[in-house]
Amino acid sequence: MGDTQVNCLYCGKKIAGDVAECPHCGAVSHFQTRGYRSGARLRFVLFWIGVAAFCLFFALWLPR
């Protein structure tokens, strides 16, 4: 996206549109054009698979 400049939502200063946090105040940028953090989607999917496996284990293990 190149040289896109946006205003920081917290301090109001101009920042690049593809930075993760404001270099002026350190706040998280809500204008990231990069998408998900590296590996975040995989961790999200693995977490929910783990939760489902945990629930299934206890559903089958508990007495009826």
C-alpha atoms as a PDB file:
ATOM      1  CA  MET A   1       0.000   0.000   0.000  1.00  0.00           C
ATOM      2  CA  GLY A   2       3.057   2.179   0.085  1.00  0.00           C
ATOM      3  CA  ASP A   3       3.092   5.581   1.738  1.00  0.00           C
ATOM      4  CA  THR A   4      -0.400   5.660   3.201  1.00  0.00           C
ATOM      5  CA  GLN A   5      -0.494   7.929   6.236  1.00  0.00           C
ATOM      6  CA  VAL A   6      -3.216   7.753   8.905  1.00  0.00           C
ATOM      7  CA  ASN A   7      -3.793   9.515  12.208  1.00  0.00           C
ATOM      8  CA  CYS A   8      -3.174   7.585  15.416  1.00  0.00           C
ATOM      9  CA  LEU A   9      -6.461   7.118  17.274  1.00  0.00           C
ATOM     10  CA  TYR A  10      -4.805   7.922  20.611  1.00  0.00           C
ATOM     11  CA  CYS A  11      -2.317  10.745  20.071  1.00  0.00           C
ATOM     12  CA  GLY A  12      -3.545  12.045  16.699  1.00  0.00           C
ATOM     13  CA  LYS A  13      -0.117  12.182  15.053  1.00  0.00           C
ATOM     14  CA  LYS A  14       0.484  10.915  11.511  1.00  0.00           C
ATOM     15  CA  ILE A  15       1.795   7.345  11.236  1.00  0.00           C
ATOM     16  CA  ALA A  16       2.373   4.938   8.367  1.00  0.00           C
ATOM     17  CA  GLY A  17      -0.645   2.778   7.560  1.00  0.00           C
ATOM     18  CA  ASP A  18       1.232  -0.509   7.893  1.00  0.00           C
ATOM     19  CA  VAL A  19       2.853  -0.207  11.336  1.00  0.00           C
ATOM     20  CA  ALA A  20       1.743  -2.397  14.252  1.00  0.00           C
ATOM     21  CA  GLU A  21       1.979   0.379  16.841  1.00  0.00           C
ATOM     22  CA  CYS A  22       2.352   4.149  16.935  1.00  0.00           C
ATOM     23  CA  PRO A  23       6.014   5.208  17.172  1.00  0.00           C
ATOM     24  CA  HIS A  24       4.969   8.349  19.087  1.00  0.00           C
ATOM     25  CA  CYS A  25       2.776   6.974  21.883  1.00  0.00           C
ATOM     26  CA  GLY A  26       3.186   3.179  21.543  1.00  0.00           C
ATOM     27  CA  ALA A  27      -0.536   2.483  21.113  1.00  0.00           C
ATOM     28  CA  VAL A  28      -1.630  -0.416  18.906  1.00  0.00           C
ATOM     29  CA  SER A  29      -2.483   0.725  15.378  1.00  0.00           C
ATOM     30  CA  HIS A  30      -5.963  -0.200  14.190  1.00  0.00           C
ATOM     31  CA  PHE A  31      -5.108   0.606  10.576  1.00  0.00           C
ATOM     32  CA  GLN A  32      -2.756  -2.302   9.845  1.00  0.00           C
ATOM     33  CA  THR A  33      -2.890  -3.419   6.236  1.00  0.00           C
ATOM     34  CA  ARG A  34      -0.773  -6.540   6.842  1.00  0.00           C
ATOM     35  CA  GLY A  35      -3.635  -8.711   8.117  1.00  0.00           C
ATOM     36  CA  TYR A  36      -3.173 -11.321  10.853  1.00  0.00           C
ATOM     37  CA  ARG A  37       0.007 -11.611  12.870  1.00  0.00           C
ATOM     38  CA  SER A  38       2.176 -14.483  11.784  1.00  0.00           C
ATOM     39  CA  GLY A  39       0.754 -17.736  13.136  1.00  0.00           C
ATOM     40  CA  ALA A  40      -2.212 -16.132  14.914  1.00  0.00           C
ATOM     41  CA  ARG A  41      -4.811 -17.918  12.820  1.00  0.00           C
ATOM     42  CA  LEU A  42      -3.148 -21.326  13.314  1.00  0.00           C
ATOM     43  CA  ARG A  43      -3.018 -20.814  17.097  1.00  0.00           C
ATOM     44  CA  PHE A  44      -6.697 -19.801  17.074  1.00  0.00           C
ATOM     45  CA  VAL A  45      -7.725 -22.953  15.186  1.00  0.00           C
ATOM     46  CA  LEU A  46      -5.557 -25.219  17.355  1.00  0.00           C
ATOM     47  CA  PHE A  47      -6.996 -23.667  20.510  1.00  0.00           C
ATOM     48  CA  TRP A  48     -10.579 -24.440  19.465  1.00  0.00           C
ATOM     49  CA  ILE A  49      -9.668 -27.954  18.343  1.00  0.00           C
ATOM     50  CA  GLY A  50      -8.157 -28.472  21.811  1.00  0.00           C
ATOM     51  CA  VAL A  51     -11.284 -27.139  23.518  1.00  0.00           C
ATOM     52  CA  ALA A  52     -13.499 -29.424  21.417  1.00  0.00           C
ATOM     53  CA  ALA A  53     -11.282 -32.468  22.162  1.00  0.00           C
ATOM     54  CA  PHE A  54     -11.331 -31.639  25.892  1.00  0.00           C
ATOM     55  CA  CYS A  55     -15.136 -31.396  25.907  1.00  0.00           C
ATOM     56  CA  LEU A  56     -15.511 -34.599  23.900  1.00  0.00           C
ATOM     57  CA  PHE A  57     -13.180 -36.453  26.258  1.00  0.00           C
ATOM     58  CA  PHE A  58     -15.185 -35.437  29.316  1.00  0.00           C
ATOM     59  CA  ALA A  59     -18.513 -36.105  27.589  1.00  0.00           C
ATOM     60  CA  LEU A  60     -17.396 -39.684  26.911  1.00  0.00           C
ATOM     61  CA  TRP A  61     -15.557 -40.188  30.213  1.00  0.00           C
ATOM     62  CA  LEU A  62     -18.246 -39.015  32.645  1.00  0.00           C
ATOM     63  CA  PRO A  63     -20.720 -41.664  33.802  1.00  0.00           C
ATOM     64  CA  ARG A  64     -24.109 -41.592  32.179  1.00  0.00           C
END
